[in-house]
Amino acid sequence: MAKPPTDPRLQRCLTRLEHLFASWEECNGKPDNHRKDDTEALFEDAYILPTKIFSLERKEQDIKNKLAKLEEVLESITARMNEVDLDEPQYNDLHQAREIKLEDKSGKSEDVFLLDDPQYYALYHERAIAVEEQQRLTEEHSSVLAEMAKSKETSDKAMETNMEILEERHELEWFGRILDHIEPS
């Protein structure tokens, strides 16, 4: 048996040639059959996931729009709540009535008496609902972003692997052409 070449470039060339020959035999001389199972498995990740990603991007934009509208609603509610003039007699009476009820209790809230006012209570309730909706949309937005990132990563890896397979097939095609020109012994 011949001794291996000492030149590292020649050694790499020989190793690559052995790999190409093994791949050539494995695909029975048909480059299109090289890693065919891998290609079929990658099809969904490489070509169907981008459609899902597009759908997720649209969903993310929709959530952003809903959050922006909700932010406007919250600002409007807060502005209306801030319009309450605590010096008005009706609020002063409410405040005094509430203080009498809470005389014996400690840790009372300054604005609790305002909840006795139907208009203010409606705003308070509306604001609480809007805050809950904002929290839900924020969580949904985070979930969509995480799913989109994962899908993009999977799709990118699949496309990269698919390109590697196509490159290997191209190399095998050239290898086959070279083999066709070598006379059998």
N, C-alpha and C. Protein backbone atom coordinates (compact mmCIF):
# COMPACT_ATOMS: atom_id res chain seq x y z
N MET A 1 0.84 -1.17 0.00
CA MET A 1 0.00 0.00 0.00
C MET A 1 0.89 1.24 0.00
N ALA A 2 0.44 2.24 -0.74
CA ALA A 2 1.23 3.46 -0.86
C ALA A 2 1.16 4.26 0.43
N LYS A 3 2.26 4.89 0.69
CA LYS A 3 2.30 5.69 1.91
C LYS A 3 1.56 7.02 1.64
N PRO A 4 0.81 7.54 2.65
CA PRO A 4 0.02 8.76 2.44
C PRO A 4 0.93 9.94 2.12
N PRO A 5 0.43 10.85 1.31
CA PRO A 5 1.24 12.02 0.94
C PRO A 5 1.55 12.88 2.16
N THR A 6 2.71 13.50 2.11
CA THR A 6 3.13 14.33 3.24
C THR A 6 2.64 15.77 3.08
N ASP A 7 2.34 16.18 1.87
CA ASP A 7 1.84 17.54 1.65
C ASP A 7 0.40 17.62 2.16
N PRO A 8 0.10 18.53 3.11
CA PRO A 8 -1.25 18.62 3.68
C PRO A 8 -2.32 18.95 2.63
N ARG A 9 -1.95 19.73 1.62
CA ARG A 9 -2.92 20.07 0.57
C ARG A 9 -3.30 18.82 -0.21
N LEU A 10 -2.30 18.02 -0.51
CA LEU A 10 -2.56 16.77 -1.24
C LEU A 10 -3.37 15.82 -0.37
N GLN A 11 -3.11 15.79 0.92
CA GLN A 11 -3.88 14.95 1.84
C GLN A 11 -5.35 15.38 1.87
N ARG A 12 -5.60 16.71 1.93
CA ARG A 12 -6.98 17.21 1.91
C ARG A 12 -7.67 16.86 0.61
N CYS A 13 -6.94 16.98 -0.49
CA CYS A 13 -7.49 16.64 -1.81
C CYS A 13 -7.87 15.16 -1.86
N LEU A 14 -7.00 14.31 -1.35
CA LEU A 14 -7.27 12.87 -1.34
C LEU A 14 -8.48 12.54 -0.46
N THR A 15 -8.56 13.17 0.69
CA THR A 15 -9.70 12.96 1.60
C THR A 15 -10.99 13.40 0.93
N ARG A 16 -10.95 14.55 0.26
CA ARG A 16 -12.14 15.07 -0.43
C ARG A 16 -12.55 14.13 -1.57
N LEU A 17 -11.58 13.63 -2.29
CA LEU A 17 -11.84 12.70 -3.39
C LEU A 17 -12.48 11.41 -2.87
N GLU A 18 -11.98 10.91 -1.74
CA GLU A 18 -12.57 9.71 -1.13
C GLU A 18 -14.03 9.97 -0.72
N HIS A 19 -14.27 11.15 -0.17
CA HIS A 19 -15.63 11.51 0.25
C HIS A 19 -16.56 11.60 -0.97
N LEU A 20 -16.09 12.25 -2.02
CA LEU A 20 -16.89 12.36 -3.25
C LEU A 20 -17.20 10.99 -3.84
N PHE A 21 -16.20 10.13 -3.84
CA PHE A 21 -16.41 8.79 -4.41
C PHE A 21 -17.42 8.00 -3.58
N ALA A 22 -17.32 8.10 -2.26
CA ALA A 22 -18.28 7.41 -1.38
C ALA A 22 -19.70 7.95 -1.61
N SER A 23 -19.82 9.26 -1.74
CA SER A 23 -21.14 9.87 -2.00
C SER A 23 -21.66 9.46 -3.37
N TRP A 24 -20.75 9.37 -4.35
CA TRP A 24 -21.13 8.97 -5.71
C TRP A 24 -21.69 7.54 -5.71
N GLU A 25 -21.02 6.67 -4.99
CA GLU A 25 -21.50 5.28 -4.91
C GLU A 25 -22.84 5.21 -4.16
N GLU A 26 -22.97 6.00 -3.12
CA GLU A 26 -24.19 5.99 -2.31
C GLU A 26 -25.41 6.43 -3.11
N CYS A 27 -25.23 7.39 -4.02
CA CYS A 27 -26.37 7.87 -4.81
C CYS A 27 -26.47 7.14 -6.16
N ASN A 28 -25.71 6.07 -6.30
CA ASN A 28 -25.73 5.24 -7.53
C ASN A 28 -25.44 6.06 -8.79
N GLY A 29 -24.55 7.01 -8.67
CA GLY A 29 -24.14 7.80 -9.83
C GLY A 29 -25.18 8.82 -10.27
N LYS A 30 -26.18 9.08 -9.44
CA LYS A 30 -27.22 10.07 -9.78
C LYS A 30 -27.21 11.18 -8.72
N PRO A 31 -26.59 12.31 -9.05
CA PRO A 31 -26.47 13.40 -8.07
C PRO A 31 -27.81 13.87 -7.50
N ASP A 32 -28.89 13.77 -8.29
CA ASP A 32 -30.20 14.21 -7.78
C ASP A 32 -30.71 13.35 -6.63
N ASN A 33 -30.15 12.14 -6.49
CA ASN A 33 -30.56 11.25 -5.39
C ASN A 33 -29.75 11.49 -4.12
N HIS A 34 -28.69 12.31 -4.22
CA HIS A 34 -27.83 12.58 -3.07
C HIS A 34 -28.63 13.30 -1.98
N ARG A 35 -28.70 12.69 -0.81
CA ARG A 35 -29.39 13.23 0.37
C ARG A 35 -30.85 13.60 0.06
N LYS A 36 -31.49 12.76 -0.72
CA LYS A 36 -32.87 13.02 -1.13
C LYS A 36 -33.82 13.04 0.08
N ASP A 37 -33.61 12.11 1.02
CA ASP A 37 -34.46 12.07 2.22
C ASP A 37 -34.33 13.37 3.02
N ASP A 38 -33.10 13.88 3.11
CA ASP A 38 -32.89 15.14 3.84
C ASP A 38 -33.62 16.29 3.14
N THR A 39 -33.56 16.31 1.82
CA THR A 39 -34.21 17.37 1.06
C THR A 39 -35.71 17.35 1.27
N GLU A 40 -36.29 16.17 1.25
CA GLU A 40 -37.74 16.06 1.45
C GLU A 40 -38.12 16.49 2.87
N ALA A 41 -37.31 16.14 3.83
CA ALA A 41 -37.59 16.52 5.22
C ALA A 41 -37.47 18.03 5.42
N LEU A 42 -36.56 18.65 4.67
CA LEU A 42 -36.33 20.09 4.81
C LEU A 42 -37.36 20.93 4.05
N PHE A 43 -38.11 20.31 3.15
CA PHE A 43 -39.02 21.06 2.30
C PHE A 43 -39.97 21.94 3.11
N GLU A 44 -40.61 21.35 4.12
CA GLU A 44 -41.57 22.13 4.91
C GLU A 44 -40.89 23.29 5.62
N ASP A 45 -39.74 23.00 6.25
CA ASP A 45 -39.05 24.05 6.99
C ASP A 45 -38.54 25.16 6.07
N ALA A 46 -38.08 24.79 4.89
CA ALA A 46 -37.47 25.78 4.00
C ALA A 46 -38.49 26.55 3.18
N TYR A 47 -39.59 25.91 2.81
CA TYR A 47 -40.50 26.55 1.86
C TYR A 47 -41.89 26.85 2.41
N ILE A 48 -42.31 26.16 3.46
CA ILE A 48 -43.64 26.41 4.01
C ILE A 48 -43.58 27.36 5.20
N LEU A 49 -42.51 27.28 5.99
CA LEU A 49 -42.38 28.17 7.15
C LEU A 49 -42.36 29.66 6.77
N PRO A 50 -41.77 30.06 5.64
CA PRO A 50 -41.84 31.49 5.30
C PRO A 50 -43.27 32.01 5.18
N THR A 51 -44.19 31.17 4.73
CA THR A 51 -45.60 31.57 4.67
C THR A 51 -46.14 31.77 6.08
N LYS A 52 -45.77 30.88 6.99
CA LYS A 52 -46.19 31.00 8.39
C LYS A 52 -45.58 32.27 9.00
N ILE A 53 -44.33 32.54 8.67
CA ILE A 53 -43.66 33.73 9.20
C ILE A 53 -44.37 34.99 8.72
N PHE A 54 -44.76 35.00 7.45
CA PHE A 54 -45.49 36.15 6.90
C PHE A 54 -46.80 36.35 7.67
N SER A 55 -47.49 35.25 7.93
CA SER A 55 -48.75 35.30 8.69
C SER A 55 -48.50 35.83 10.10
N LEU A 56 -47.43 35.38 10.73
CA LEU A 56 -47.09 35.86 12.07
C LEU A 56 -46.73 37.35 12.07
N GLU A 57 -46.06 37.80 11.02
CA GLU A 57 -45.72 39.22 10.91
C GLU A 57 -46.98 40.07 10.81
N ARG A 58 -47.95 39.59 10.03
CA ARG A 58 -49.23 40.30 9.92
C ARG A 58 -49.95 40.33 11.27
N LYS A 59 -49.91 39.20 11.98
CA LYS A 59 -50.55 39.12 13.30
C LYS A 59 -49.87 40.08 14.27
N GLU A 60 -48.54 40.13 14.21
CA GLU A 60 -47.80 41.05 15.09
C GLU A 60 -48.20 42.50 14.81
N GLN A 61 -48.31 42.85 13.53
CA GLN A 61 -48.70 44.21 13.16
C GLN A 61 -50.11 44.52 13.65
N ASP A 62 -51.00 43.54 13.54
CA ASP A 62 -52.37 43.71 14.01
C ASP A 62 -52.38 43.96 15.52
N ILE A 63 -51.59 43.20 16.25
CA ILE A 63 -51.52 43.37 17.71
C ILE A 63 -50.95 44.75 18.05
N LYS A 64 -49.92 45.17 17.31
CA LYS A 64 -49.34 46.50 17.55
C LYS A 64 -50.39 47.59 17.34
N ASN A 65 -51.19 47.44 16.28
CA ASN A 65 -52.24 48.42 16.01
C ASN A 65 -53.27 48.44 17.14
N LYS A 66 -53.66 47.25 17.61
CA LYS A 66 -54.62 47.18 18.72
C LYS A 66 -54.04 47.81 19.98
N LEU A 67 -52.76 47.55 20.24
CA LEU A 67 -52.12 48.14 21.42
C LEU A 67 -52.06 49.67 21.32
N ALA A 68 -51.80 50.18 20.12
CA ALA A 68 -51.75 51.63 19.93
C ALA A 68 -53.13 52.25 20.18
N LYS A 69 -54.18 51.61 19.65
CA LYS A 69 -55.54 52.12 19.88
C LYS A 69 -55.89 52.04 21.36
N LEU A 70 -55.51 50.96 22.00
CA LEU A 70 -55.80 50.78 23.42
C LEU A 70 -55.06 51.83 24.25
N GLU A 71 -53.85 52.16 23.85
CA GLU A 71 -53.08 53.20 24.55
C GLU A 71 -53.82 54.54 24.46
N GLU A 72 -54.38 54.84 23.29
CA GLU A 72 -55.16 56.07 23.14
C GLU A 72 -56.38 56.05 24.05
N VAL A 73 -57.05 54.90 24.11
CA VAL A 73 -58.22 54.77 24.98
C VAL A 73 -57.83 54.99 26.44
N LEU A 74 -56.74 54.36 26.85
CA LEU A 74 -56.28 54.52 28.24
C LEU A 74 -55.93 55.98 28.55
N GLU A 75 -55.28 56.65 27.61
CA GLU A 75 -54.95 58.06 27.81
C GLU A 75 -56.21 58.90 27.95
N SER A 76 -57.21 58.59 27.12
CA SER A 76 -58.48 59.31 27.18
C SER A 76 -59.18 59.08 28.52
N ILE A 77 -59.21 57.84 28.97
CA ILE A 77 -59.85 57.52 30.25
C ILE A 77 -59.11 58.22 31.39
N THR A 78 -57.79 58.16 31.36
CA THR A 78 -56.99 58.80 32.41
C THR A 78 -57.24 60.31 32.42
N ALA A 79 -57.32 60.90 31.23
CA ALA A 79 -57.58 62.34 31.15
C ALA A 79 -58.95 62.66 31.75
N ARG A 80 -59.96 61.84 31.43
CA ARG A 80 -61.30 62.08 31.98
C ARG A 80 -61.30 61.88 33.50
N MET A 81 -60.53 60.90 33.97
CA MET A 81 -60.46 60.67 35.42
C MET A 81 -59.77 61.85 36.11
N ASN A 82 -58.78 62.43 35.43
CA ASN A 82 -58.06 63.56 36.01
C ASN A 82 -58.89 64.84 36.01
N GLU A 83 -59.95 64.86 35.21
CA GLU A 83 -60.83 66.04 35.16
C GLU A 83 -61.69 66.17 36.41
N VAL A 84 -61.74 65.12 37.20
CA VAL A 84 -62.55 65.16 38.42
C VAL A 84 -61.94 66.19 39.37
N ASP A 85 -62.74 67.19 39.69
CA ASP A 85 -62.29 68.24 40.60
C ASP A 85 -62.72 67.85 42.02
N LEU A 86 -61.75 67.47 42.78
CA LEU A 86 -62.05 66.99 44.13
C LEU A 86 -62.59 68.09 45.05
N ASP A 87 -62.48 69.34 44.62
CA ASP A 87 -62.99 70.44 45.44
C ASP A 87 -64.48 70.68 45.22
N GLU A 88 -65.07 70.02 44.23
CA GLU A 88 -66.51 70.17 44.00
C GLU A 88 -67.26 69.62 45.21
N PRO A 89 -68.39 70.24 45.54
CA PRO A 89 -69.14 69.83 46.74
C PRO A 89 -69.54 68.35 46.74
N GLN A 90 -69.93 67.84 45.58
CA GLN A 90 -70.36 66.43 45.55
C GLN A 90 -69.24 65.48 45.97
N TYR A 91 -68.00 65.77 45.53
CA TYR A 91 -66.87 64.91 45.89
C TYR A 91 -66.44 65.14 47.34
N ASN A 92 -66.57 66.37 47.78
CA ASN A 92 -66.25 66.68 49.17
C ASN A 92 -67.19 65.92 50.10
N ASP A 93 -68.49 65.91 49.76
CA ASP A 93 -69.47 65.18 50.56
C ASP A 93 -69.17 63.68 50.55
N LEU A 94 -68.84 63.16 49.36
CA LEU A 94 -68.51 61.73 49.25
C LEU A 94 -67.28 61.40 50.10
N HIS A 95 -66.31 62.29 50.04
CA HIS A 95 -65.07 62.07 50.78
C HIS A 95 -65.33 62.04 52.29
N GLN A 96 -66.13 62.99 52.76
CA GLN A 96 -66.43 63.04 54.19
C GLN A 96 -67.23 61.81 54.63
N ALA A 97 -68.17 61.40 53.80
CA ALA A 97 -68.98 60.22 54.13
C ALA A 97 -68.08 58.98 54.21
N ARG A 98 -67.17 58.86 53.28
CA ARG A 98 -66.27 57.71 53.26
C ARG A 98 -65.34 57.75 54.48
N GLU A 99 -64.85 58.93 54.84
CA GLU A 99 -63.96 59.04 56.00
C GLU A 99 -64.66 58.62 57.28
N ILE A 100 -65.93 58.97 57.38
CA ILE A 100 -66.69 58.58 58.57
C ILE A 100 -66.79 57.06 58.63
N LYS A 101 -67.04 56.43 57.47
CA LYS A 101 -67.17 54.97 57.43
C LYS A 101 -65.84 54.29 57.77
N LEU A 102 -64.74 54.95 57.40
CA LEU A 102 -63.43 54.33 57.58
C LEU A 102 -62.70 54.83 58.83
N GLU A 103 -63.40 55.57 59.68
CA GLU A 103 -62.75 56.16 60.86
C GLU A 103 -62.01 55.15 61.70
N ASP A 104 -62.61 53.99 61.89
CA ASP A 104 -62.01 52.99 62.76
C ASP A 104 -60.94 52.16 62.07
N LYS A 105 -60.87 52.26 60.76
CA LYS A 105 -59.95 51.39 60.01
C LYS A 105 -58.69 52.16 59.62
N SER A 106 -57.57 51.46 59.61
CA SER A 106 -56.32 52.10 59.20
C SER A 106 -55.99 51.69 57.77
N GLY A 107 -55.09 52.41 57.14
CA GLY A 107 -54.65 52.08 55.78
C GLY A 107 -55.67 52.40 54.72
N LYS A 108 -56.48 53.44 54.95
CA LYS A 108 -57.49 53.78 53.95
C LYS A 108 -56.84 54.44 52.74
N SER A 109 -57.48 54.32 51.60
CA SER A 109 -56.97 54.90 50.37
C SER A 109 -57.59 56.28 50.18
N GLU A 110 -56.82 57.20 49.67
CA GLU A 110 -57.29 58.57 49.44
C GLU A 110 -58.41 58.64 48.41
N ASP A 111 -58.33 57.81 47.36
CA ASP A 111 -59.28 57.91 46.26
C ASP A 111 -60.42 56.90 46.33
N VAL A 112 -60.49 56.11 47.37
CA VAL A 112 -61.53 55.09 47.47
C VAL A 112 -62.91 55.72 47.41
N PHE A 113 -63.08 56.89 48.01
CA PHE A 113 -64.40 57.52 48.04
C PHE A 113 -64.90 57.85 46.63
N LEU A 114 -63.99 58.04 45.71
CA LEU A 114 -64.40 58.37 44.34
C LEU A 114 -65.17 57.23 43.69
N LEU A 115 -64.95 56.01 44.14
CA LEU A 115 -65.65 54.87 43.55
C LEU A 115 -67.13 54.91 43.88
N ASP A 116 -67.52 55.72 44.86
CA ASP A 116 -68.94 55.88 45.17
C ASP A 116 -69.66 56.70 44.10
N ASP A 117 -68.90 57.49 43.35
CA ASP A 117 -69.49 58.30 42.28
C ASP A 117 -69.70 57.42 41.05
N PRO A 118 -70.93 57.29 40.55
CA PRO A 118 -71.21 56.39 39.42
C PRO A 118 -70.38 56.70 38.16
N GLN A 119 -70.22 57.98 37.85
CA GLN A 119 -69.47 58.35 36.65
C GLN A 119 -68.00 57.96 36.79
N TYR A 120 -67.42 58.27 37.95
CA TYR A 120 -66.03 57.94 38.18
C TYR A 120 -65.83 56.43 38.24
N TYR A 121 -66.78 55.75 38.88
CA TYR A 121 -66.70 54.29 38.97
C TYR A 121 -66.72 53.67 37.57
N ALA A 122 -67.57 54.19 36.68
CA ALA A 122 -67.64 53.67 35.31
C ALA A 122 -66.29 53.86 34.61
N LEU A 123 -65.68 55.02 34.80
CA LEU A 123 -64.36 55.27 34.20
C LEU A 123 -63.30 54.33 34.80
N TYR A 124 -63.37 54.16 36.11
CA TYR A 124 -62.43 53.28 36.81
C TYR A 124 -62.56 51.85 36.28
N HIS A 125 -63.79 51.40 36.14
CA HIS A 125 -64.07 50.05 35.64
C HIS A 125 -63.60 49.91 34.18
N GLU A 126 -63.89 50.92 33.38
CA GLU A 126 -63.47 50.91 31.97
C GLU A 126 -61.94 50.86 31.87
N ARG A 127 -61.28 51.62 32.73
CA ARG A 127 -59.82 51.63 32.73
C ARG A 127 -59.26 50.27 33.15
N ALA A 128 -59.86 49.65 34.14
CA ALA A 128 -59.41 48.33 34.60
C ALA A 128 -59.53 47.30 33.48
N ILE A 129 -60.63 47.34 32.75
CA ILE A 129 -60.83 46.42 31.62
C ILE A 129 -59.78 46.69 30.54
N ALA A 130 -59.52 47.97 30.25
CA ALA A 130 -58.53 48.32 29.22
C ALA A 130 -57.13 47.87 29.62
N VAL A 131 -56.80 47.99 30.90
CA VAL A 131 -55.48 47.56 31.38
C VAL A 131 -55.35 46.04 31.25
N GLU A 132 -56.40 45.31 31.58
CA GLU A 132 -56.37 43.85 31.42
C GLU A 132 -56.19 43.46 29.96
N GLU A 133 -56.90 44.15 29.07
CA GLU A 133 -56.78 43.87 27.63
C GLU A 133 -55.36 44.21 27.15
N GLN A 134 -54.81 45.29 27.66
CA GLN A 134 -53.45 45.67 27.28
C GLN A 134 -52.46 44.60 27.73
N GLN A 135 -52.64 44.08 28.92
CA GLN A 135 -51.76 43.02 29.43
C GLN A 135 -51.86 41.77 28.56
N ARG A 136 -53.10 41.40 28.21
CA ARG A 136 -53.32 40.22 27.38
C ARG A 136 -52.66 40.39 26.01
N LEU A 137 -52.86 41.57 25.40
CA LEU A 137 -52.26 41.82 24.09
C LEU A 137 -50.74 41.85 24.16
N THR A 138 -50.19 42.38 25.23
CA THR A 138 -48.74 42.42 25.40
C THR A 138 -48.17 41.00 25.49
N GLU A 139 -48.85 40.14 26.25
CA GLU A 139 -48.42 38.75 26.36
C GLU A 139 -48.54 38.03 25.01
N GLU A 140 -49.63 38.29 24.31
CA GLU A 140 -49.83 37.68 22.99
C GLU A 140 -48.75 38.16 22.02
N HIS A 141 -48.41 39.44 22.10
CA HIS A 141 -47.36 40.00 21.24
C HIS A 141 -46.02 39.32 21.51
N SER A 142 -45.70 39.13 22.78
CA SER A 142 -44.45 38.45 23.14
C SER A 142 -44.43 37.02 22.61
N SER A 143 -45.56 36.35 22.72
CA SER A 143 -45.68 34.98 22.23
C SER A 143 -45.48 34.91 20.72
N VAL A 144 -46.09 35.85 20.00
CA VAL A 144 -45.96 35.88 18.54
C VAL A 144 -44.51 36.16 18.15
N LEU A 145 -43.87 37.08 18.85
CA LEU A 145 -42.46 37.39 18.54
C LEU A 145 -41.57 36.18 18.77
N ALA A 146 -41.81 35.45 19.86
CA ALA A 146 -41.00 34.26 20.15
C ALA A 146 -41.22 33.19 19.08
N GLU A 147 -42.47 32.98 18.71
CA GLU A 147 -42.78 31.98 17.68
C GLU A 147 -42.18 32.38 16.33
N MET A 148 -42.24 33.67 16.03
CA MET A 148 -41.69 34.15 14.77
C MET A 148 -40.17 33.97 14.75
N ALA A 149 -39.50 34.27 15.83
CA ALA A 149 -38.04 34.10 15.90
C ALA A 149 -37.65 32.64 15.74
N LYS A 150 -38.39 31.76 16.40
CA LYS A 150 -38.11 30.33 16.30
C LYS A 150 -38.34 29.84 14.87
N SER A 151 -39.42 30.28 14.25
CA SER A 151 -39.73 29.87 12.88
C SER A 151 -38.68 30.39 11.90
N LYS A 152 -38.25 31.63 12.09
CA LYS A 152 -37.22 32.20 11.21
C LYS A 152 -35.91 31.42 11.34
N GLU A 153 -35.55 31.10 12.57
CA GLU A 153 -34.31 30.35 12.80
C GLU A 153 -34.38 28.97 12.13
N THR A 154 -35.51 28.29 12.31
CA THR A 154 -35.69 26.96 11.70
C THR A 154 -35.66 27.06 10.19
N SER A 155 -36.34 28.06 9.64
CA SER A 155 -36.38 28.24 8.19
C SER A 155 -34.99 28.57 7.64
N ASP A 156 -34.27 29.44 8.33
CA ASP A 156 -32.92 29.80 7.88
C ASP A 156 -31.98 28.60 7.89
N LYS A 157 -32.06 27.79 8.96
CA LYS A 157 -31.22 26.59 9.03
C LYS A 157 -31.57 25.62 7.91
N ALA A 158 -32.86 25.47 7.64
CA ALA A 158 -33.30 24.56 6.58
C ALA A 158 -32.81 25.04 5.22
N MET A 159 -32.92 26.34 4.97
CA MET A 159 -32.45 26.89 3.70
C MET A 159 -30.94 26.70 3.55
N GLU A 160 -30.21 26.92 4.63
CA GLU A 160 -28.76 26.76 4.61
C GLU A 160 -28.39 25.30 4.30
N THR A 161 -29.05 24.37 4.97
CA THR A 161 -28.79 22.95 4.73
C THR A 161 -29.17 22.57 3.31
N ASN A 162 -30.27 23.10 2.84
CA ASN A 162 -30.72 22.82 1.47
C ASN A 162 -29.69 23.33 0.46
N MET A 163 -29.13 24.51 0.71
CA MET A 163 -28.11 25.05 -0.19
C MET A 163 -26.85 24.19 -0.16
N GLU A 164 -26.50 23.68 1.02
CA GLU A 164 -25.34 22.78 1.12
C GLU A 164 -25.57 21.52 0.29
N ILE A 165 -26.77 20.97 0.37
CA ILE A 165 -27.09 19.77 -0.40
C ILE A 165 -27.01 20.05 -1.90
N LEU A 166 -27.54 21.20 -2.33
CA LEU A 166 -27.48 21.55 -3.75
C LEU A 166 -26.03 21.72 -4.21
N GLU A 167 -25.20 22.30 -3.35
CA GLU A 167 -23.78 22.47 -3.67
C GLU A 167 -23.10 21.11 -3.78
N GLU A 168 -23.42 20.21 -2.84
CA GLU A 168 -22.84 18.86 -2.89
C GLU A 168 -23.28 18.13 -4.16
N ARG A 169 -24.52 18.30 -4.55
CA ARG A 169 -25.02 17.67 -5.78
C ARG A 169 -24.28 18.21 -7.00
N HIS A 170 -24.03 19.51 -6.97
CA HIS A 170 -23.29 20.13 -8.08
C HIS A 170 -21.87 19.55 -8.16
N GLU A 171 -21.23 19.39 -7.01
CA GLU A 171 -19.90 18.79 -6.97
C GLU A 171 -19.94 17.35 -7.49
N LEU A 172 -20.97 16.61 -7.09
CA LEU A 172 -21.09 15.22 -7.55
C LEU A 172 -21.32 15.16 -9.06
N GLU A 173 -22.04 16.13 -9.58
CA GLU A 173 -22.27 16.17 -11.03
C GLU A 173 -20.93 16.34 -11.76
N TRP A 174 -20.11 17.25 -11.25
CA TRP A 174 -18.80 17.45 -11.85
C TRP A 174 -17.91 16.21 -11.66
N PHE A 175 -17.99 15.61 -10.49
CA PHE A 175 -17.23 14.40 -10.22
C PHE A 175 -17.63 13.31 -11.21
N GLY A 176 -18.92 13.19 -11.48
CA GLY A 176 -19.41 12.20 -12.44
C GLY A 176 -18.89 12.46 -13.84
N ARG A 177 -18.81 13.72 -14.23
CA ARG A 177 -18.27 14.06 -15.56
C ARG A 177 -16.80 13.67 -15.67
N ILE A 178 -16.07 13.90 -14.57
CA ILE A 178 -14.66 13.51 -14.57
C ILE A 178 -14.53 12.00 -14.68
N LEU A 179 -15.36 11.27 -13.91
CA LEU A 179 -15.32 9.80 -13.96
C LEU A 179 -15.66 9.28 -15.35
N ASP A 180 -16.56 9.95 -16.04
CA ASP A 180 -16.95 9.51 -17.39
C ASP A 180 -15.77 9.58 -18.37
N HIS A 181 -14.82 10.48 -18.11
CA HIS A 181 -13.68 10.64 -19.01
C HIS A 181 -12.52 9.71 -18.67
N ILE A 182 -12.61 9.05 -17.54
CA ILE A 182 -11.54 8.12 -17.15
C ILE A 182 -11.87 6.75 -17.74
N GLU A 183 -10.91 6.22 -18.43
CA GLU A 183 -11.09 4.88 -19.04
C GLU A 183 -11.04 3.82 -17.96
N PRO A 184 -12.00 2.88 -18.01
CA PRO A 184 -11.92 1.78 -17.04
C PRO A 184 -10.70 0.92 -17.32
N SER A 185 -10.11 0.37 -16.29
CA SER A 185 -8.91 -0.44 -16.49
C SER A 185 -9.24 -1.89 -16.69
